[in-house]
N, C-alpha and C. Protein backbone atom coordinates (compact mmCIF):
# COMPACT_ATOMS: atom_id res chain seq x y z
N MET A 1 138.69 104.36 70.92
CA MET A 1 137.29 104.76 71.07
C MET A 1 136.81 104.43 72.48
N GLU A 2 136.10 105.34 73.09
CA GLU A 2 135.64 105.16 74.46
C GLU A 2 134.45 104.21 74.51
N GLN A 3 134.49 103.30 75.47
CA GLN A 3 133.38 102.36 75.66
C GLN A 3 132.27 103.10 76.41
N THR A 4 131.10 103.18 75.81
CA THR A 4 130.02 103.87 76.52
C THR A 4 129.16 102.86 77.25
N GLN A 5 128.91 103.18 78.49
CA GLN A 5 128.08 102.33 79.34
C GLN A 5 126.62 102.61 78.97
N VAL A 6 125.86 101.56 78.74
CA VAL A 6 124.45 101.77 78.43
C VAL A 6 123.71 101.99 79.74
N LYS A 7 123.06 103.14 79.83
CA LYS A 7 122.32 103.46 81.06
C LYS A 7 120.97 102.78 81.03
N PRO A 8 120.54 102.22 82.17
CA PRO A 8 119.19 101.64 82.21
C PRO A 8 118.15 102.74 81.98
N LYS A 9 117.20 102.45 81.11
CA LYS A 9 116.14 103.43 80.81
C LYS A 9 115.02 103.28 81.84
N VAL A 10 114.65 104.41 82.43
CA VAL A 10 113.62 104.41 83.47
C VAL A 10 112.53 105.42 83.10
N LEU A 11 111.30 105.00 83.28
CA LEU A 11 110.16 105.88 83.08
C LEU A 11 109.55 106.14 84.45
N VAL A 12 109.45 107.42 84.84
CA VAL A 12 108.87 107.79 86.12
C VAL A 12 107.48 108.38 85.85
N VAL A 13 106.47 107.82 86.51
CA VAL A 13 105.09 108.24 86.23
C VAL A 13 104.41 108.72 87.50
N ASP A 14 103.97 109.97 87.49
CA ASP A 14 103.21 110.50 88.62
C ASP A 14 102.44 111.71 88.14
N ASP A 15 101.16 111.80 88.52
CA ASP A 15 100.37 112.95 88.10
C ASP A 15 100.79 114.21 88.88
N GLU A 16 101.55 114.05 89.95
CA GLU A 16 102.14 115.20 90.63
C GLU A 16 103.47 115.46 89.93
N ARG A 17 103.45 116.42 89.03
CA ARG A 17 104.60 116.66 88.14
C ARG A 17 105.91 116.87 88.89
N VAL A 18 105.84 117.60 90.01
CA VAL A 18 107.08 117.89 90.73
C VAL A 18 107.72 116.61 91.26
N ILE A 19 106.92 115.64 91.64
CA ILE A 19 107.45 114.35 92.11
C ILE A 19 108.08 113.60 90.95
N ALA A 20 107.37 113.49 89.84
CA ALA A 20 107.89 112.77 88.67
C ALA A 20 109.18 113.42 88.18
N ASP A 21 109.17 114.74 88.06
CA ASP A 21 110.35 115.46 87.56
C ASP A 21 111.54 115.30 88.51
N THR A 22 111.28 115.44 89.81
CA THR A 22 112.36 115.34 90.80
C THR A 22 112.98 113.95 90.79
N LEU A 23 112.14 112.91 90.79
CA LEU A 23 112.68 111.54 90.76
C LEU A 23 113.49 111.31 89.49
N ALA A 24 113.01 111.80 88.36
CA ALA A 24 113.74 111.63 87.09
C ALA A 24 115.10 112.32 87.17
N ILE A 25 115.14 113.53 87.73
CA ILE A 25 116.41 114.26 87.86
C ILE A 25 117.38 113.48 88.74
N ILE A 26 116.90 113.00 89.88
CA ILE A 26 117.76 112.24 90.80
C ILE A 26 118.28 110.98 90.12
N LEU A 27 117.42 110.27 89.42
CA LEU A 27 117.85 109.04 88.73
C LEU A 27 118.89 109.37 87.66
N ASN A 28 118.67 110.45 86.91
CA ASN A 28 119.64 110.86 85.88
C ASN A 28 121.00 111.19 86.49
N GLN A 29 120.99 111.75 87.70
CA GLN A 29 122.25 112.08 88.38
C GLN A 29 122.96 110.83 88.89
N HIS A 30 122.24 109.72 88.96
CA HIS A 30 122.81 108.48 89.50
C HIS A 30 122.96 107.38 88.46
N GLY A 31 123.17 107.79 87.21
CA GLY A 31 123.53 106.81 86.19
C GLY A 31 122.39 106.14 85.45
N PHE A 32 121.18 106.70 85.57
CA PHE A 32 120.05 106.15 84.82
C PHE A 32 119.69 107.12 83.70
N ASP A 33 118.96 106.62 82.71
CA ASP A 33 118.44 107.46 81.65
C ASP A 33 116.95 107.56 81.93
N ALA A 34 116.56 108.56 82.74
CA ALA A 34 115.18 108.64 83.22
C ALA A 34 114.39 109.75 82.56
N ALA A 35 113.11 109.49 82.35
CA ALA A 35 112.19 110.49 81.80
C ALA A 35 110.92 110.46 82.64
N ALA A 36 110.27 111.61 82.75
CA ALA A 36 109.04 111.71 83.53
C ALA A 36 107.84 111.84 82.61
N VAL A 37 106.75 111.16 82.97
CA VAL A 37 105.46 111.36 82.32
C VAL A 37 104.42 111.50 83.43
N TYR A 38 103.28 112.07 83.09
CA TYR A 38 102.36 112.50 84.15
C TYR A 38 101.00 111.80 84.14
N THR A 39 100.81 110.84 83.26
CA THR A 39 99.54 110.11 83.23
C THR A 39 99.81 108.63 82.94
N GLY A 40 98.88 107.79 83.34
CA GLY A 40 99.00 106.37 83.03
C GLY A 40 99.00 106.13 81.53
N THR A 41 98.13 106.85 80.82
CA THR A 41 98.06 106.72 79.37
C THR A 41 99.37 107.14 78.73
N GLY A 42 99.92 108.26 79.23
CA GLY A 42 101.20 108.76 78.73
C GLY A 42 102.31 107.75 78.97
N ALA A 43 102.24 107.06 80.12
CA ALA A 43 103.25 106.05 80.46
C ALA A 43 103.23 104.90 79.45
N VAL A 44 102.03 104.44 79.11
CA VAL A 44 101.90 103.34 78.15
C VAL A 44 102.45 103.76 76.79
N GLU A 45 102.07 104.98 76.34
CA GLU A 45 102.54 105.47 75.04
C GLU A 45 104.05 105.63 75.02
N ARG A 46 104.62 106.24 76.09
CA ARG A 46 106.06 106.47 76.14
C ARG A 46 106.81 105.14 76.25
N ALA A 47 106.28 104.21 77.03
CA ALA A 47 106.93 102.91 77.17
C ALA A 47 106.99 102.19 75.83
N ARG A 48 105.91 102.32 75.06
CA ARG A 48 105.89 101.70 73.73
C ARG A 48 106.98 102.29 72.84
N ALA A 49 107.22 103.60 72.99
CA ALA A 49 108.20 104.30 72.16
C ALA A 49 109.64 104.06 72.62
N VAL A 50 109.90 104.16 73.94
CA VAL A 50 111.29 104.11 74.40
C VAL A 50 111.72 102.76 74.98
N LYS A 51 110.76 101.86 75.21
CA LYS A 51 111.05 100.52 75.75
C LYS A 51 111.97 100.58 76.98
N PRO A 52 111.44 101.13 78.10
CA PRO A 52 112.26 101.27 79.30
C PRO A 52 112.59 99.91 79.94
N ASP A 53 113.67 99.90 80.73
CA ASP A 53 114.03 98.71 81.49
C ASP A 53 113.22 98.65 82.77
N LEU A 54 112.79 99.84 83.22
CA LEU A 54 112.09 99.96 84.50
C LEU A 54 111.04 101.06 84.42
N VAL A 55 109.88 100.80 85.02
CA VAL A 55 108.85 101.82 85.16
C VAL A 55 108.60 102.00 86.65
N ILE A 56 108.70 103.24 87.12
CA ILE A 56 108.39 103.56 88.52
C ILE A 56 107.14 104.42 88.45
N SER A 57 106.05 103.92 89.02
CA SER A 57 104.78 104.63 88.83
C SER A 57 103.98 104.80 90.10
N ASP A 58 103.37 105.97 90.22
CA ASP A 58 102.37 106.20 91.25
C ASP A 58 101.19 105.31 90.89
N VAL A 59 100.39 104.94 91.87
CA VAL A 59 99.23 104.09 91.58
C VAL A 59 98.00 104.94 91.28
N ILE A 60 97.66 105.86 92.16
CA ILE A 60 96.42 106.61 92.01
C ILE A 60 96.65 107.83 91.12
N MET A 61 96.11 107.74 89.89
CA MET A 61 96.20 108.86 88.94
C MET A 61 94.84 109.01 88.28
N PRO A 62 94.52 110.21 87.78
CA PRO A 62 93.16 110.46 87.28
C PRO A 62 92.73 109.66 86.05
N ASP A 63 93.60 109.48 85.06
CA ASP A 63 93.11 108.88 83.81
C ASP A 63 93.17 107.35 83.83
N MET A 64 94.32 106.80 84.14
CA MET A 64 94.50 105.35 84.17
C MET A 64 95.41 105.11 85.36
N ASN A 65 95.02 104.24 86.30
CA ASN A 65 95.89 104.08 87.46
C ASN A 65 97.17 103.33 87.09
N GLY A 66 98.15 103.43 87.97
CA GLY A 66 99.47 102.87 87.71
C GLY A 66 99.46 101.36 87.52
N ILE A 67 98.54 100.68 88.19
CA ILE A 67 98.47 99.22 88.04
C ILE A 67 97.96 98.87 86.65
N GLU A 68 96.91 99.57 86.19
CA GLU A 68 96.40 99.33 84.83
C GLU A 68 97.49 99.61 83.80
N ALA A 69 98.20 100.74 83.99
CA ALA A 69 99.28 101.10 83.06
C ALA A 69 100.35 100.00 83.07
N ALA A 70 100.71 99.53 84.27
CA ALA A 70 101.74 98.49 84.40
C ALA A 70 101.32 97.21 83.68
N ILE A 71 100.05 96.84 83.80
CA ILE A 71 99.55 95.63 83.14
C ILE A 71 99.64 95.80 81.61
N HIS A 72 99.26 96.98 81.11
CA HIS A 72 99.36 97.25 79.67
C HIS A 72 100.81 97.16 79.21
N ILE A 73 101.72 97.80 79.96
CA ILE A 73 103.13 97.83 79.58
C ILE A 73 103.72 96.42 79.58
N ARG A 74 103.36 95.63 80.58
CA ARG A 74 103.87 94.25 80.66
C ARG A 74 103.46 93.41 79.45
N LYS A 75 102.31 93.75 78.86
CA LYS A 75 101.84 92.98 77.68
C LYS A 75 102.81 93.10 76.53
N PHE A 76 103.38 94.31 76.29
CA PHE A 76 104.29 94.46 75.15
C PHE A 76 105.75 94.54 75.58
N LEU A 77 106.02 94.65 76.89
CA LEU A 77 107.40 94.65 77.41
C LEU A 77 107.48 93.70 78.60
N PRO A 78 107.36 92.42 78.37
CA PRO A 78 107.29 91.48 79.49
C PRO A 78 108.51 91.49 80.42
N SER A 79 109.66 91.94 79.92
CA SER A 79 110.86 91.93 80.77
C SER A 79 111.04 93.23 81.55
N CYS A 80 110.16 94.20 81.33
CA CYS A 80 110.27 95.49 82.00
C CYS A 80 109.97 95.32 83.50
N LYS A 81 110.88 95.84 84.35
CA LYS A 81 110.66 95.78 85.79
C LYS A 81 109.70 96.91 86.15
N ILE A 82 108.77 96.64 87.04
CA ILE A 82 107.80 97.66 87.41
C ILE A 82 107.79 97.84 88.92
N LEU A 83 107.92 99.08 89.34
CA LEU A 83 107.92 99.41 90.76
C LEU A 83 106.83 100.46 90.97
N LEU A 84 105.89 100.17 91.84
CA LEU A 84 104.78 101.09 92.09
C LEU A 84 104.99 101.78 93.42
N PHE A 85 104.49 103.01 93.53
CA PHE A 85 104.50 103.67 94.83
C PHE A 85 103.18 104.38 95.03
N SER A 86 102.76 104.44 96.29
CA SER A 86 101.49 105.06 96.57
C SER A 86 101.41 105.51 98.02
N GLY A 87 100.68 106.57 98.23
CA GLY A 87 100.45 107.03 99.59
C GLY A 87 99.01 106.82 100.01
N GLN A 88 98.28 106.02 99.25
CA GLN A 88 96.84 105.89 99.52
C GLN A 88 96.42 104.46 99.81
N ALA A 89 95.50 104.34 100.75
CA ALA A 89 95.03 103.03 101.18
C ALA A 89 94.28 102.28 100.07
N ALA A 90 93.67 103.01 99.17
CA ALA A 90 92.91 102.37 98.07
C ALA A 90 93.79 101.44 97.24
N THR A 91 95.08 101.67 97.30
CA THR A 91 96.02 100.86 96.53
C THR A 91 95.92 99.38 96.86
N ALA A 92 95.71 99.06 98.13
CA ALA A 92 95.66 97.65 98.55
C ALA A 92 94.59 96.89 97.77
N ASP A 93 93.42 97.50 97.60
CA ASP A 93 92.34 96.84 96.85
C ASP A 93 92.73 96.66 95.39
N LEU A 94 93.34 97.69 94.80
CA LEU A 94 93.75 97.60 93.40
C LEU A 94 94.81 96.52 93.21
N LEU A 95 95.76 96.45 94.14
CA LEU A 95 96.81 95.42 94.06
C LEU A 95 96.22 94.03 94.19
N GLU A 96 95.26 93.90 95.09
CA GLU A 96 94.60 92.61 95.32
C GLU A 96 93.89 92.16 94.04
N SER A 97 93.22 93.10 93.40
CA SER A 97 92.51 92.82 92.16
C SER A 97 93.50 92.41 91.06
N ALA A 98 94.63 93.11 90.96
CA ALA A 98 95.64 92.77 89.96
C ALA A 98 96.22 91.38 90.25
N ARG A 99 96.45 91.10 91.54
CA ARG A 99 96.98 89.79 91.94
C ARG A 99 96.04 88.67 91.53
N ALA A 100 94.75 88.94 91.71
CA ALA A 100 93.74 87.94 91.36
C ALA A 100 93.80 87.62 89.86
N GLN A 101 94.26 88.58 89.07
CA GLN A 101 94.39 88.36 87.62
C GLN A 101 95.78 87.84 87.25
N GLY A 102 96.59 87.54 88.27
CA GLY A 102 97.90 86.96 88.01
C GLY A 102 99.03 87.96 87.83
N HIS A 103 98.80 89.21 88.25
CA HIS A 103 99.84 90.23 88.12
C HIS A 103 100.42 90.53 89.49
N GLU A 104 101.74 90.46 89.59
CA GLU A 104 102.42 90.70 90.86
C GLU A 104 103.28 91.95 90.72
N PHE A 105 103.09 92.92 91.59
CA PHE A 105 103.87 94.16 91.51
C PHE A 105 104.46 94.50 92.86
N GLU A 106 105.65 95.07 92.82
CA GLU A 106 106.30 95.52 94.04
C GLU A 106 105.82 96.94 94.31
N ILE A 107 105.61 97.27 95.58
CA ILE A 107 105.10 98.60 95.89
C ILE A 107 105.91 99.26 97.00
N LEU A 108 106.15 100.54 96.85
CA LEU A 108 106.84 101.34 97.86
C LEU A 108 105.84 102.35 98.42
N ALA A 109 105.97 102.67 99.70
CA ALA A 109 105.09 103.67 100.29
C ALA A 109 105.57 105.07 99.90
N LYS A 110 104.62 105.96 99.71
CA LYS A 110 104.92 107.34 99.38
C LYS A 110 104.90 108.15 100.67
N PRO A 111 105.70 109.14 100.91
CA PRO A 111 106.71 109.63 99.98
C PRO A 111 107.92 108.69 99.89
N VAL A 112 108.45 108.57 98.70
CA VAL A 112 109.61 107.71 98.47
C VAL A 112 110.86 108.55 98.71
N HIS A 113 111.70 108.10 99.61
CA HIS A 113 112.97 108.80 99.84
C HIS A 113 113.92 108.38 98.72
N PRO A 114 114.54 109.35 98.04
CA PRO A 114 115.42 109.01 96.90
C PRO A 114 116.48 107.95 97.23
N GLN A 115 117.08 108.01 98.44
CA GLN A 115 118.10 107.01 98.78
C GLN A 115 117.50 105.61 98.87
N ASP A 116 116.27 105.51 99.41
CA ASP A 116 115.60 104.20 99.48
C ASP A 116 115.33 103.67 98.09
N LEU A 117 114.89 104.57 97.20
CA LEU A 117 114.60 104.17 95.83
C LEU A 117 115.88 103.70 95.13
N LEU A 118 116.96 104.45 95.26
CA LEU A 118 118.22 104.07 94.63
C LEU A 118 118.73 102.73 95.18
N ALA A 119 118.58 102.53 96.48
CA ALA A 119 119.01 101.26 97.09
C ALA A 119 118.20 100.11 96.51
N LYS A 120 116.90 100.33 96.34
CA LYS A 120 116.00 99.31 95.79
C LYS A 120 116.40 98.98 94.35
N LEU A 121 116.72 99.99 93.56
CA LEU A 121 117.07 99.79 92.16
C LEU A 121 118.41 99.09 92.00
N ARG A 122 119.32 99.35 92.92
CA ARG A 122 120.64 98.74 92.84
C ARG A 122 120.63 97.34 93.42
N GLY A 123 119.65 97.08 94.32
CA GLY A 123 119.59 95.79 95.02
C GLY A 123 119.20 94.71 94.10
């Protein structure tokens, strides 16, 4: 019987669907089990269902920002790694506010180059 390697489950969250879908496709091609969702609320619901090992999320989204979603997810999945990315300056204030509440998140600048992201995930 063949030994199957368990792929790390990754949830990619971005309200720009093409970005979320593209990152999920790239991750799937590189040995991850990735799925894309397009809202912070959707991320929390999907994370509850699939229990990902990693969430990669945009910060600025219309319904619930990525930091709020990450805080919710951490409550029921404390071991889930969370990586945020953003192309907007407003993120600094949101991160500062989250830090003040004791939440520490790693952030990548947008646009995220797939090779940089893969290097970060493997590192």
